[in-house]
Amino acid sequence: MGKKLKTIKPIAPEDLQSGMYVAVTRVTVEYGPGFCSDTTMLPDGFKPKEVSYLPYPGGVPLKVIDVCVPFVLVELPNRRCQTIDLRRVEIARVSKRYGKSSFERLKRVKEDAGEVEAF
């Protein structure tokens, strides 16, 4: 048989550890009515609408630096750090090999053509 197919693996917040590689698989945002940008000022009984979308570009690896659930401090391929709120995004673990090789290649892309976005 051929090579074993590598796939992403959903991961529970309590299983996140420093040094592992993850990718954002879904982002959820809340929208209120167009006249009200602050959802805390909505009329009683009004519920904001949740909209989920797939990140673009997808599959950008993020290296976990530290975890304090629901927040995760990650490093992007461009060496910048960012916090992720696990109440708003879904993440999955990617293989160490994919994470390392993507980090190296995306670092070069960033240096040549601009920033690399995770989501």
C-alpha atoms as a PDB file:
ATOM      1  CA  MET A   1       0.000   0.000   0.000  1.00  0.00           C
ATOM      2  CA  GLY A   2       0.954   3.663  -0.322  1.00  0.00           C
ATOM      3  CA  LYS A   3       1.709   6.309   2.242  1.00  0.00           C
ATOM      4  CA  LYS A   4      -0.584   6.821   5.196  1.00  0.00           C
ATOM      5  CA  LEU A   5      -2.924   9.751   4.566  1.00  0.00           C
ATOM      6  CA  LYS A   6      -2.489  12.537   7.115  1.00  0.00           C
ATOM      7  CA  THR A   7      -5.617  14.387   8.201  1.00  0.00           C
ATOM      8  CA  ILE A   8      -6.406  17.107  10.700  1.00  0.00           C
ATOM      9  CA  LYS A   9      -7.720  15.986  14.063  1.00  0.00           C
ATOM     10  CA  PRO A  10     -10.266  17.932  16.110  1.00  0.00           C
ATOM     11  CA  ILE A  11      -8.822  18.787  19.500  1.00  0.00           C
ATOM     12  CA  ALA A  12     -10.470  19.645  22.795  1.00  0.00           C
ATOM     13  CA  PRO A  13      -9.318  22.859  24.498  1.00  0.00           C
ATOM     14  CA  GLU A  14      -8.005  20.920  27.502  1.00  0.00           C
ATOM     15  CA  ASP A  15      -5.755  18.837  25.225  1.00  0.00           C
ATOM     16  CA  LEU A  16      -3.911  21.825  23.728  1.00  0.00           C
ATOM     17  CA  GLN A  17      -0.220  21.957  24.593  1.00  0.00           C
ATOM     18  CA  SER A  18       2.638  24.336  23.886  1.00  0.00           C
ATOM     19  CA  GLY A  19       4.568  23.394  20.766  1.00  0.00           C
ATOM     20  CA  MET A  20       1.772  21.655  18.870  1.00  0.00           C
ATOM     21  CA  TYR A  21       0.545  22.922  15.525  1.00  0.00           C
ATOM     22  CA  VAL A  22      -3.110  23.745  14.887  1.00  0.00           C
ATOM     23  CA  ALA A  23      -5.187  25.374  12.147  1.00  0.00           C
ATOM     24  CA  VAL A  24      -8.416  27.339  12.308  1.00  0.00           C
ATOM     25  CA  THR A  25     -11.197  25.341  10.632  1.00  0.00           C
ATOM     26  CA  ARG A  26     -14.222  27.591  11.287  1.00  0.00           C
ATOM     27  CA  VAL A  27     -14.835  31.157  12.460  1.00  0.00           C
ATOM     28  CA  THR A  28     -18.109  32.343  14.033  1.00  0.00           C
ATOM     29  CA  VAL A  29     -19.158  35.992  14.305  1.00  0.00           C
ATOM     30  CA  GLU A  30     -22.278  37.620  15.736  1.00  0.00           C
ATOM     31  CA  TYR A  31     -24.273  40.299  13.944  1.00  0.00           C
ATOM     32  CA  GLY A  32     -26.913  42.582  15.364  1.00  0.00           C
ATOM     33  CA  PRO A  33     -29.196  44.867  13.405  1.00  0.00           C
ATOM     34  CA  GLY A  34     -27.478  47.274  11.021  1.00  0.00           C
ATOM     35  CA  PHE A  35     -28.266  50.285  13.198  1.00  0.00           C
ATOM     36  CA  CYS A  36     -26.526  48.835  16.252  1.00  0.00           C
ATOM     37  CA  SER A  37     -22.865  47.826  16.074  1.00  0.00           C
ATOM     38  CA  ASP A  38     -22.665  47.090  19.826  1.00  0.00           C
ATOM     39  CA  THR A  39     -24.627  43.907  20.601  1.00  0.00           C
ATOM     40  CA  THR A  40     -24.802  44.850  24.311  1.00  0.00           C
ATOM     41  CA  MET A  41     -27.184  47.682  23.372  1.00  0.00           C
ATOM     42  CA  LEU A  42     -29.763  45.498  21.612  1.00  0.00           C
ATOM     43  CA  PRO A  43     -33.415  45.632  22.666  1.00  0.00           C
ATOM     44  CA  ASP A  44     -34.606  43.047  25.204  1.00  0.00           C
ATOM     45  CA  GLY A  45     -35.398  39.728  23.607  1.00  0.00           C
ATOM     46  CA  PHE A  46     -33.366  40.378  20.468  1.00  0.00           C
ATOM     47  CA  LYS A  47     -30.767  37.735  19.804  1.00  0.00           C
ATOM     48  CA  PRO A  48     -27.831  38.482  17.538  1.00  0.00           C
ATOM     49  CA  LYS A  49     -27.426  36.217  14.530  1.00  0.00           C
ATOM     50  CA  GLU A  50     -24.430  33.919  14.419  1.00  0.00           C
ATOM     51  CA  VAL A  51     -22.712  33.407  11.099  1.00  0.00           C
ATOM     52  CA  SER A  52     -19.975  30.830  10.583  1.00  0.00           C
ATOM     53  CA  TYR A  53     -17.510  30.748   7.733  1.00  0.00           C
ATOM     54  CA  LEU A  54     -14.465  28.846   6.602  1.00  0.00           C
ATOM     55  CA  PRO A  55     -11.230  30.816   6.941  1.00  0.00           C
ATOM     56  CA  TYR A  56      -9.467  31.968   3.816  1.00  0.00           C
ATOM     57  CA  PRO A  57      -6.842  30.923   3.145  1.00  0.00           C
ATOM     58  CA  GLY A  58      -7.449  27.674   4.973  1.00  0.00           C
ATOM     59  CA  GLY A  59      -4.895  25.391   6.547  1.00  0.00           C
ATOM     60  CA  VAL A  60      -2.428  28.026   7.736  1.00  0.00           C
ATOM     61  CA  PRO A  61      -0.595  26.358  10.629  1.00  0.00           C
ATOM     62  CA  LEU A  62      -0.368  28.115  13.982  1.00  0.00           C
ATOM     63  CA  LYS A  63       2.107  27.068  16.661  1.00  0.00           C
ATOM     64  CA  VAL A  64       0.632  26.956  20.169  1.00  0.00           C
ATOM     65  CA  ILE A  65       2.721  29.029  22.579  1.00  0.00           C
ATOM     66  CA  ASP A  66       0.498  29.009  25.679  1.00  0.00           C
ATOM     67  CA  VAL A  67      -3.053  28.152  26.715  1.00  0.00           C
ATOM     68  CA  CYS A  68      -5.454  29.703  29.234  1.00  0.00           C
ATOM     69  CA  VAL A  69      -8.843  28.336  28.150  1.00  0.00           C
ATOM     70  CA  PRO A  70     -10.719  29.829  26.325  1.00  0.00           C
ATOM     71  CA  PHE A  71      -7.697  31.783  25.043  1.00  0.00           C
ATOM     72  CA  VAL A  72      -4.763  30.390  23.104  1.00  0.00           C
ATOM     73  CA  LEU A  73      -1.603  32.319  22.292  1.00  0.00           C
ATOM     74  CA  VAL A  74      -0.278  31.206  18.907  1.00  0.00           C
ATOM     75  CA  GLU A  75       2.612  32.079  16.633  1.00  0.00           C
ATOM     76  CA  LEU A  76       1.894  32.647  12.946  1.00  0.00           C
ATOM     77  CA  PRO A  77       4.345  31.688  10.186  1.00  0.00           C
ATOM     78  CA  ASN A  78       5.422  35.353   9.953  1.00  0.00           C
ATOM     79  CA  ARG A  79       6.609  35.020  13.589  1.00  0.00           C
ATOM     80  CA  ARG A  80       3.905  37.346  14.910  1.00  0.00           C
ATOM     81  CA  CYS A  81       1.844  36.234  17.879  1.00  0.00           C
ATOM     82  CA  GLN A  82      -1.925  36.351  18.127  1.00  0.00           C
ATOM     83  CA  THR A  83      -4.529  35.256  20.649  1.00  0.00           C
ATOM     84  CA  ILE A  84      -7.411  33.025  19.629  1.00  0.00           C
ATOM     85  CA  ASP A  85     -10.718  32.917  21.497  1.00  0.00           C
ATOM     86  CA  LEU A  86     -11.947  29.328  21.337  1.00  0.00           C
ATOM     87  CA  ARG A  87     -15.532  30.535  21.834  1.00  0.00           C
ATOM     88  CA  ARG A  88     -15.348  32.119  18.374  1.00  0.00           C
ATOM     89  CA  VAL A  89     -13.178  29.718  16.384  1.00  0.00           C
ATOM     90  CA  GLU A  90     -12.846  25.988  15.925  1.00  0.00           C
ATOM     91  CA  ILE A  91      -9.362  24.584  15.597  1.00  0.00           C
ATOM     92  CA  ALA A  92      -7.884  21.222  14.689  1.00  0.00           C
ATOM     93  CA  ARG A  93      -4.478  19.716  15.214  1.00  0.00           C
ATOM     94  CA  VAL A  94      -2.247  19.329  12.175  1.00  0.00           C
ATOM     95  CA  SER A  95       0.757  17.029  11.978  1.00  0.00           C
ATOM     96  CA  LYS A  96       4.095  18.283  13.253  1.00  0.00           C
ATOM     97  CA  ARG A  97       5.620  17.643   9.837  1.00  0.00           C
ATOM     98  CA  TYR A  98       2.945  19.733   8.057  1.00  0.00           C
ATOM     99  CA  GLY A  99       3.291  22.499  10.650  1.00  0.00           C
ATOM    100  CA  LYS A 100       7.071  22.739  10.387  1.00  0.00           C
ATOM    101  CA  SER A 101       7.263  22.561   6.603  1.00  0.00           C
ATOM    102  CA  SER A 102       4.400  25.058   6.177  1.00  0.00           C
ATOM    103  CA  PHE A 103       5.993  27.467   8.641  1.00  0.00           C
ATOM    104  CA  GLU A 104       9.226  27.458   6.639  1.00  0.00           C
ATOM    105  CA  ARG A 105       7.576  27.906   3.257  1.00  0.00           C
ATOM    106  CA  LEU A 106       5.014  30.489   4.387  1.00  0.00           C
ATOM    107  CA  LYS A 107       7.771  32.464   6.094  1.00  0.00           C
ATOM    108  CA  ARG A 108       9.467  32.772   2.698  1.00  0.00           C
ATOM    109  CA  VAL A 109       6.181  33.770   1.017  1.00  0.00           C
ATOM    110  CA  LYS A 110       5.693  36.486   3.634  1.00  0.00           C
ATOM    111  CA  GLU A 111       9.191  37.836   3.075  1.00  0.00           C
ATOM    112  CA  ASP A 112       8.711  37.888  -0.701  1.00  0.00           C
ATOM    113  CA  ALA A 113       5.087  38.971  -1.174  1.00  0.00           C
ATOM    114  CA  GLY A 114       3.611  40.400   2.004  1.00  0.00           C
ATOM    115  CA  GLU A 115       1.737  39.120   5.024  1.00  0.00           C
ATOM    116  CA  VAL A 116       0.236  35.667   5.534  1.00  0.00           C
ATOM    117  CA  GLU A 117      -3.155  35.655   7.252  1.00  0.00           C
ATOM    118  CA  ALA A 118      -4.448  32.791   9.380  1.00  0.00           C
ATOM    119  CA  PHE A 119      -8.145  33.732   9.211  1.00  0.00           C
END
